[in-house]
Amino acid sequence: MSGLEILAVVAIIGWIVFRQLRGEPLRGKRAVLLPAILTVIGFTDLHGHGAAHLQTVDVVAITIGTAGSALIGLAFGAITRLEERGGYLWAQLPVYGVWLWLGLFAWRGVAFVIADGMHAHVAASSATLLFGLGVNRLAQAAVIVPRAMAMGVPFAPEKDGNVFMAGAFDRGRSRY
């Protein structure tokens, strides 16, 4: 990753943190599809940085780093406040959730040190950043989606007016 790409990732993370702390209507595509896209781009980026040179030690180190990122994402999903506003889902990260962001940054640093110590050159590069962030956000969605469905509150409408996974929420409401 170039310095510009790293700066872009930092800016994206800063924007995500700001929006989560402020709270906002939770749109399904932003909560589920965007992390999936980040994960795919990150995975592709890993393979673009020498897939032929991806050693077993790289796979092990990437797996360790990604597992930690996923666990932190599950914690994000668990502490995110969900409520109904105007008939749709509203989400807000409590201020103490910033500690999870700091934990994620620290974990990424530890994962780089572990990878470097294992001589996992691809895993110790910045190529893992988008992949780890995507997995983190997918793990958060893996907790938030079932919570929202249990509440019976659909995601907020997308800009085109459609509600992501609307049918799943309609089925839950039709029973009552």
C-alpha atoms as a PDB file:
ATOM      1  CA  MET A   1       0.000   0.000   0.000  1.00  0.00           C
ATOM      2  CA  SER A   2       1.218   3.450  -0.801  1.00  0.00           C
ATOM      3  CA  GLY A   3       1.238   6.313   1.666  1.00  0.00           C
ATOM      4  CA  LEU A   4      -1.832   7.702  -0.075  1.00  0.00           C
ATOM      5  CA  GLU A   5      -3.718   4.405   0.352  1.00  0.00           C
ATOM      6  CA  ILE A   6      -2.807   4.262   4.046  1.00  0.00           C
ATOM      7  CA  LEU A   7      -3.991   7.858   4.455  1.00  0.00           C
ATOM      8  CA  ALA A   8      -7.259   6.914   2.717  1.00  0.00           C
ATOM      9  CA  VAL A   9      -7.751   3.965   5.097  1.00  0.00           C
ATOM     10  CA  VAL A  10      -7.128   6.224   8.113  1.00  0.00           C
ATOM     11  CA  ALA A  11      -9.609   8.780   6.748  1.00  0.00           C
ATOM     12  CA  ILE A  12     -12.226   6.052   6.144  1.00  0.00           C
ATOM     13  CA  ILE A  13     -11.782   4.718   9.678  1.00  0.00           C
ATOM     14  CA  GLY A  14     -12.019   8.240  11.132  1.00  0.00           C
ATOM     15  CA  TRP A  15     -15.256   8.800   9.218  1.00  0.00           C
ATOM     16  CA  ILE A  16     -16.654   5.451  10.398  1.00  0.00           C
ATOM     17  CA  VAL A  17     -15.815   6.222  14.044  1.00  0.00           C
ATOM     18  CA  PHE A  18     -17.376   9.692  13.817  1.00  0.00           C
ATOM     19  CA  ARG A  19     -20.597   8.360  12.278  1.00  0.00           C
ATOM     20  CA  GLN A  20     -20.870   5.506  14.751  1.00  0.00           C
ATOM     21  CA  LEU A  21     -20.457   7.807  17.756  1.00  0.00           C
ATOM     22  CA  ARG A  22     -22.940  10.332  16.375  1.00  0.00           C
ATOM     23  CA  GLY A  23     -25.454   7.599  15.613  1.00  0.00           C
ATOM     24  CA  GLU A  24     -27.465   7.306  12.434  1.00  0.00           C
ATOM     25  CA  PRO A  25     -30.165   5.346  10.683  1.00  0.00           C
ATOM     26  CA  LEU A  26     -28.617   1.976   9.926  1.00  0.00           C
ATOM     27  CA  ARG A  27     -28.851   1.021   6.283  1.00  0.00           C
ATOM     28  CA  GLY A  28     -28.371  -2.647   5.487  1.00  0.00           C
ATOM     29  CA  LYS A  29     -26.144  -2.159   2.475  1.00  0.00           C
ATOM     30  CA  ARG A  30     -23.748  -0.031   4.508  1.00  0.00           C
ATOM     31  CA  ALA A  31     -23.810  -2.499   7.401  1.00  0.00           C
ATOM     32  CA  VAL A  32     -23.517  -5.708   5.364  1.00  0.00           C
ATOM     33  CA  LEU A  33     -22.562  -5.153   1.722  1.00  0.00           C
ATOM     34  CA  LEU A  34     -19.883  -2.489   2.211  1.00  0.00           C
ATOM     35  CA  PRO A  35     -17.908  -4.689   4.661  1.00  0.00           C
ATOM     36  CA  ALA A  36     -18.239  -7.601   2.239  1.00  0.00           C
ATOM     37  CA  ILE A  37     -16.849  -5.432  -0.558  1.00  0.00           C
ATOM     38  CA  LEU A  38     -13.979  -4.243   1.683  1.00  0.00           C
ATOM     39  CA  THR A  39     -13.186  -7.856   2.537  1.00  0.00           C
ATOM     40  CA  VAL A  40     -13.123  -8.910  -1.114  1.00  0.00           C
ATOM     41  CA  ILE A  41     -10.948  -5.935  -2.079  1.00  0.00           C
ATOM     42  CA  GLY A  42      -8.628  -6.716   0.833  1.00  0.00           C
ATOM     43  CA  PHE A  43      -8.448 -10.386  -0.131  1.00  0.00           C
ATOM     44  CA  THR A  44      -7.694  -9.418  -3.717  1.00  0.00           C
ATOM     45  CA  ASP A  45      -5.059  -6.985  -2.454  1.00  0.00           C
ATOM     46  CA  LEU A  46      -3.386  -9.830  -0.545  1.00  0.00           C
ATOM     47  CA  HIS A  47      -3.237 -11.875  -3.693  1.00  0.00           C
ATOM     48  CA  GLY A  48      -2.059  -8.878  -5.683  1.00  0.00           C
ATOM     49  CA  HIS A  49       0.955  -8.626  -3.393  1.00  0.00           C
ATOM     50  CA  GLY A  50       2.549 -11.871  -4.453  1.00  0.00           C
ATOM     51  CA  ALA A  51       0.020 -14.667  -4.196  1.00  0.00           C
ATOM     52  CA  ALA A  52       2.643 -16.960  -5.645  1.00  0.00           C
ATOM     53  CA  HIS A  53       4.867 -15.971  -2.737  1.00  0.00           C
ATOM     54  CA  LEU A  54       2.177 -16.388  -0.092  1.00  0.00           C
ATOM     55  CA  GLN A  55       3.760 -18.900   2.241  1.00  0.00           C
ATOM     56  CA  THR A  56       2.046 -21.112   4.797  1.00  0.00           C
ATOM     57  CA  VAL A  57       3.445 -18.855   7.499  1.00  0.00           C
ATOM     58  CA  ASP A  58       1.684 -15.891   5.836  1.00  0.00           C
ATOM     59  CA  VAL A  59      -1.627 -17.753   5.858  1.00  0.00           C
ATOM     60  CA  VAL A  60      -1.166 -18.625   9.554  1.00  0.00           C
ATOM     61  CA  ALA A  61      -0.252 -15.040  10.481  1.00  0.00           C
ATOM     62  CA  ILE A  62      -3.118 -13.580   8.422  1.00  0.00           C
ATOM     63  CA  THR A  63      -5.508 -16.034  10.073  1.00  0.00           C
ATOM     64  CA  ILE A  64      -4.320 -15.016  13.550  1.00  0.00           C
ATOM     65  CA  GLY A  65      -4.635 -11.311  12.737  1.00  0.00           C
ATOM     66  CA  THR A  66      -8.019 -11.736  11.117  1.00  0.00           C
ATOM     67  CA  ALA A  67      -9.377 -13.824  14.007  1.00  0.00           C
ATOM     68  CA  GLY A  68      -8.541 -11.035  16.456  1.00  0.00           C
ATOM     69  CA  SER A  69     -10.144  -8.446  14.189  1.00  0.00           C
ATOM     70  CA  ALA A  70     -13.275 -10.596  13.932  1.00  0.00           C
ATOM     71  CA  LEU A  71     -13.523 -10.976  17.717  1.00  0.00           C
ATOM     72  CA  ILE A  72     -13.305  -7.215  18.148  1.00  0.00           C
ATOM     73  CA  GLY A  73     -15.985  -6.841  15.454  1.00  0.00           C
ATOM     74  CA  LEU A  74     -18.264  -9.190  17.402  1.00  0.00           C
ATOM     75  CA  ALA A  75     -17.756  -6.956  20.449  1.00  0.00           C
ATOM     76  CA  PHE A  76     -18.654  -3.892  18.342  1.00  0.00           C
ATOM     77  CA  GLY A  77     -21.883  -5.602  17.324  1.00  0.00           C
ATOM     78  CA  ALA A  78     -22.699  -6.515  20.919  1.00  0.00           C
ATOM     79  CA  ILE A  79     -22.263  -3.016  22.377  1.00  0.00           C
ATOM     80  CA  THR A  80     -23.819  -1.021  19.536  1.00  0.00           C
ATOM     81  CA  ARG A  81     -27.074   0.533  20.707  1.00  0.00           C
ATOM     82  CA  LEU A  82     -29.972  -0.346  18.439  1.00  0.00           C
ATOM     83  CA  GLU A  83     -33.352   1.311  18.637  1.00  0.00           C
ATOM     84  CA  GLU A  84     -36.346   2.072  16.480  1.00  0.00           C
ATOM     85  CA  ARG A  85     -36.708   5.605  15.178  1.00  0.00           C
ATOM     86  CA  GLY A  86     -39.439   6.395  12.721  1.00  0.00           C
ATOM     87  CA  GLY A  87     -40.098   2.694  12.161  1.00  0.00           C
ATOM     88  CA  TYR A  88     -36.521   1.924  11.165  1.00  0.00           C
ATOM     89  CA  LEU A  89     -33.286   0.861  12.774  1.00  0.00           C
ATOM     90  CA  TRP A  90     -31.059   3.443  14.402  1.00  0.00           C
ATOM     91  CA  ALA A  91     -27.560   2.516  15.610  1.00  0.00           C
ATOM     92  CA  GLN A  92     -25.094   4.301  17.840  1.00  0.00           C
ATOM     93  CA  LEU A  93     -21.789   3.239  19.296  1.00  0.00           C
ATOM     94  CA  PRO A  94     -21.460   4.283  22.937  1.00  0.00           C
ATOM     95  CA  VAL A  95     -18.474   6.524  23.677  1.00  0.00           C
ATOM     96  CA  TYR A  96     -16.688   3.696  25.452  1.00  0.00           C
ATOM     97  CA  GLY A  97     -16.763   1.901  22.094  1.00  0.00           C
ATOM     98  CA  VAL A  98     -13.776   4.059  21.149  1.00  0.00           C
ATOM     99  CA  TRP A  99     -11.801   1.636  23.343  1.00  0.00           C
ATOM    100  CA  LEU A 100     -12.676  -1.119  20.894  1.00  0.00           C
ATOM    101  CA  TRP A 101     -11.337   1.004  18.040  1.00  0.00           C
ATOM    102  CA  LEU A 102      -8.133   1.559  20.018  1.00  0.00           C
ATOM    103  CA  GLY A 103      -8.049  -2.172  20.726  1.00  0.00           C
ATOM    104  CA  LEU A 104      -8.440  -2.882  17.017  1.00  0.00           C
ATOM    105  CA  PHE A 105      -5.544  -0.559  16.177  1.00  0.00           C
ATOM    106  CA  ALA A 106      -3.409  -2.146  18.908  1.00  0.00           C
ATOM    107  CA  TRP A 107      -4.341  -5.638  17.727  1.00  0.00           C
ATOM    108  CA  ARG A 108      -3.374  -4.775  14.155  1.00  0.00           C
ATOM    109  CA  GLY A 109       0.004  -3.597  15.489  1.00  0.00           C
ATOM    110  CA  VAL A 110       0.451  -6.825  17.463  1.00  0.00           C
ATOM    111  CA  ALA A 111      -0.566  -8.848  14.396  1.00  0.00           C
ATOM    112  CA  PHE A 112       2.096  -7.070  12.338  1.00  0.00           C
ATOM    113  CA  VAL A 113       4.732  -7.766  15.003  1.00  0.00           C
ATOM    114  CA  ILE A 114       3.692 -11.438  15.178  1.00  0.00           C
ATOM    115  CA  ALA A 115       3.793 -11.724  11.388  1.00  0.00           C
ATOM    116  CA  ASP A 116       7.179 -10.037  11.216  1.00  0.00           C
ATOM    117  CA  GLY A 117       8.520 -12.338  13.914  1.00  0.00           C
ATOM    118  CA  MET A 118       7.257 -15.320  11.936  1.00  0.00           C
ATOM    119  CA  HIS A 119       8.915 -13.927   8.778  1.00  0.00           C
ATOM    120  CA  ALA A 120       5.506 -13.777   7.121  1.00  0.00           C
ATOM    121  CA  HIS A 121       6.324 -10.969   4.730  1.00  0.00           C
ATOM    122  CA  VAL A 122       2.912 -10.564   3.099  1.00  0.00           C
ATOM    123  CA  ALA A 123       1.128 -10.759   6.476  1.00  0.00           C
ATOM    124  CA  ALA A 124       3.549  -8.187   7.910  1.00  0.00           C
ATOM    125  CA  SER A 125       2.760  -5.735   5.115  1.00  0.00           C
ATOM    126  CA  SER A 126       0.017  -3.144   4.876  1.00  0.00           C
ATOM    127  CA  ALA A 127      -1.723  -5.433   2.371  1.00  0.00           C
ATOM    128  CA  THR A 128      -3.710  -6.979   5.247  1.00  0.00           C
ATOM    129  CA  LEU A 129      -5.317  -3.715   6.422  1.00  0.00           C
ATOM    130  CA  LEU A 130      -8.417  -3.660   4.212  1.00  0.00           C
ATOM    131  CA  PHE A 131      -8.957  -7.388   4.618  1.00  0.00           C
ATOM    132  CA  GLY A 132      -8.798  -7.143   8.424  1.00  0.00           C
ATOM    133  CA  LEU A 133     -11.078  -4.092   8.491  1.00  0.00           C
ATOM    134  CA  GLY A 134     -13.591  -5.789   6.201  1.00  0.00           C
ATOM    135  CA  VAL A 135     -13.675  -8.910   8.376  1.00  0.00           C
ATOM    136  CA  ASN A 136     -14.051  -6.727  11.480  1.00  0.00           C
ATOM    137  CA  ARG A 137     -17.058  -4.933  10.001  1.00  0.00           C
ATOM    138  CA  LEU A 138     -18.584  -8.220   8.758  1.00  0.00           C
ATOM    139  CA  ALA A 139     -18.288  -9.646  12.275  1.00  0.00           C
ATOM    140  CA  GLN A 140     -20.086  -6.578  13.627  1.00  0.00           C
ATOM    141  CA  ALA A 141     -22.852  -7.111  11.064  1.00  0.00           C
ATOM    142  CA  ALA A 142     -23.057 -10.792  12.074  1.00  0.00           C
ATOM    143  CA  VAL A 143     -24.189  -9.616  15.517  1.00  0.00           C
ATOM    144  CA  ILE A 144     -26.248  -6.580  14.526  1.00  0.00           C
ATOM    145  CA  VAL A 145     -28.392  -8.263  11.851  1.00  0.00           C
ATOM    146  CA  PRO A 146     -29.777 -10.976  14.174  1.00  0.00           C
ATOM    147  CA  ARG A 147     -30.314  -8.374  16.909  1.00  0.00           C
ATOM    148  CA  ALA A 148     -32.267  -6.173  14.497  1.00  0.00           C
ATOM    149  CA  MET A 149     -34.289  -9.133  13.275  1.00  0.00           C
ATOM    150  CA  ALA A 150     -35.091 -10.157  16.871  1.00  0.00           C
ATOM    151  CA  MET A 151     -36.305  -6.603  17.491  1.00  0.00           C
ATOM    152  CA  GLY A 152     -38.403  -6.771  14.318  1.00  0.00           C
ATOM    153  CA  VAL A 153     -37.081  -3.386  13.244  1.00  0.00           C
ATOM    154  CA  PRO A 154     -36.068  -3.164   9.571  1.00  0.00           C
ATOM    155  CA  PHE A 155     -32.992  -1.390   8.301  1.00  0.00           C
ATOM    156  CA  ALA A 156     -33.413   2.238   7.273  1.00  0.00           C
ATOM    157  CA  PRO A 157     -34.313   2.767   3.605  1.00  0.00           C
ATOM    158  CA  GLU A 158     -31.484   3.101   1.130  1.00  0.00           C
ATOM    159  CA  LYS A 159     -31.206   6.252  -0.976  1.00  0.00           C
ATOM    160  CA  ASP A 160     -33.378   4.610  -3.636  1.00  0.00           C
ATOM    161  CA  GLY A 161     -36.124   3.989  -1.046  1.00  0.00           C
ATOM    162  CA  ASN A 162     -35.665   0.211  -0.879  1.00  0.00           C
ATOM    163  CA  VAL A 163     -35.094  -1.474   2.473  1.00  0.00           C
ATOM    164  CA  PHE A 164     -32.295  -4.065   2.514  1.00  0.00           C
ATOM    165  CA  MET A 165     -33.616  -7.495   3.613  1.00  0.00           C
ATOM    166  CA  ALA A 166     -37.120  -6.037   3.969  1.00  0.00           C
ATOM    167  CA  GLY A 167     -38.690  -9.424   3.313  1.00  0.00           C
ATOM    168  CA  ALA A 168     -36.950 -10.961   6.318  1.00  0.00           C
ATOM    169  CA  PHE A 169     -38.448  -8.329   8.595  1.00  0.00           C
ATOM    170  CA  ASP A 170     -41.894  -8.590   6.974  1.00  0.00           C
ATOM    171  CA  ARG A 171     -41.987 -12.323   7.686  1.00  0.00           C
ATOM    172  CA  GLY A 172     -41.218 -11.638  11.344  1.00  0.00           C
ATOM    173  CA  ARG A 173     -44.004  -9.073  11.646  1.00  0.00           C
ATOM    174  CA  SER A 174     -46.649 -11.078   9.781  1.00  0.00           C
ATOM    175  CA  ARG A 175     -46.791 -13.672  12.557  1.00  0.00           C
ATOM    176  CA  TYR A 176     -48.390 -11.204  14.959  1.00  0.00           C
END
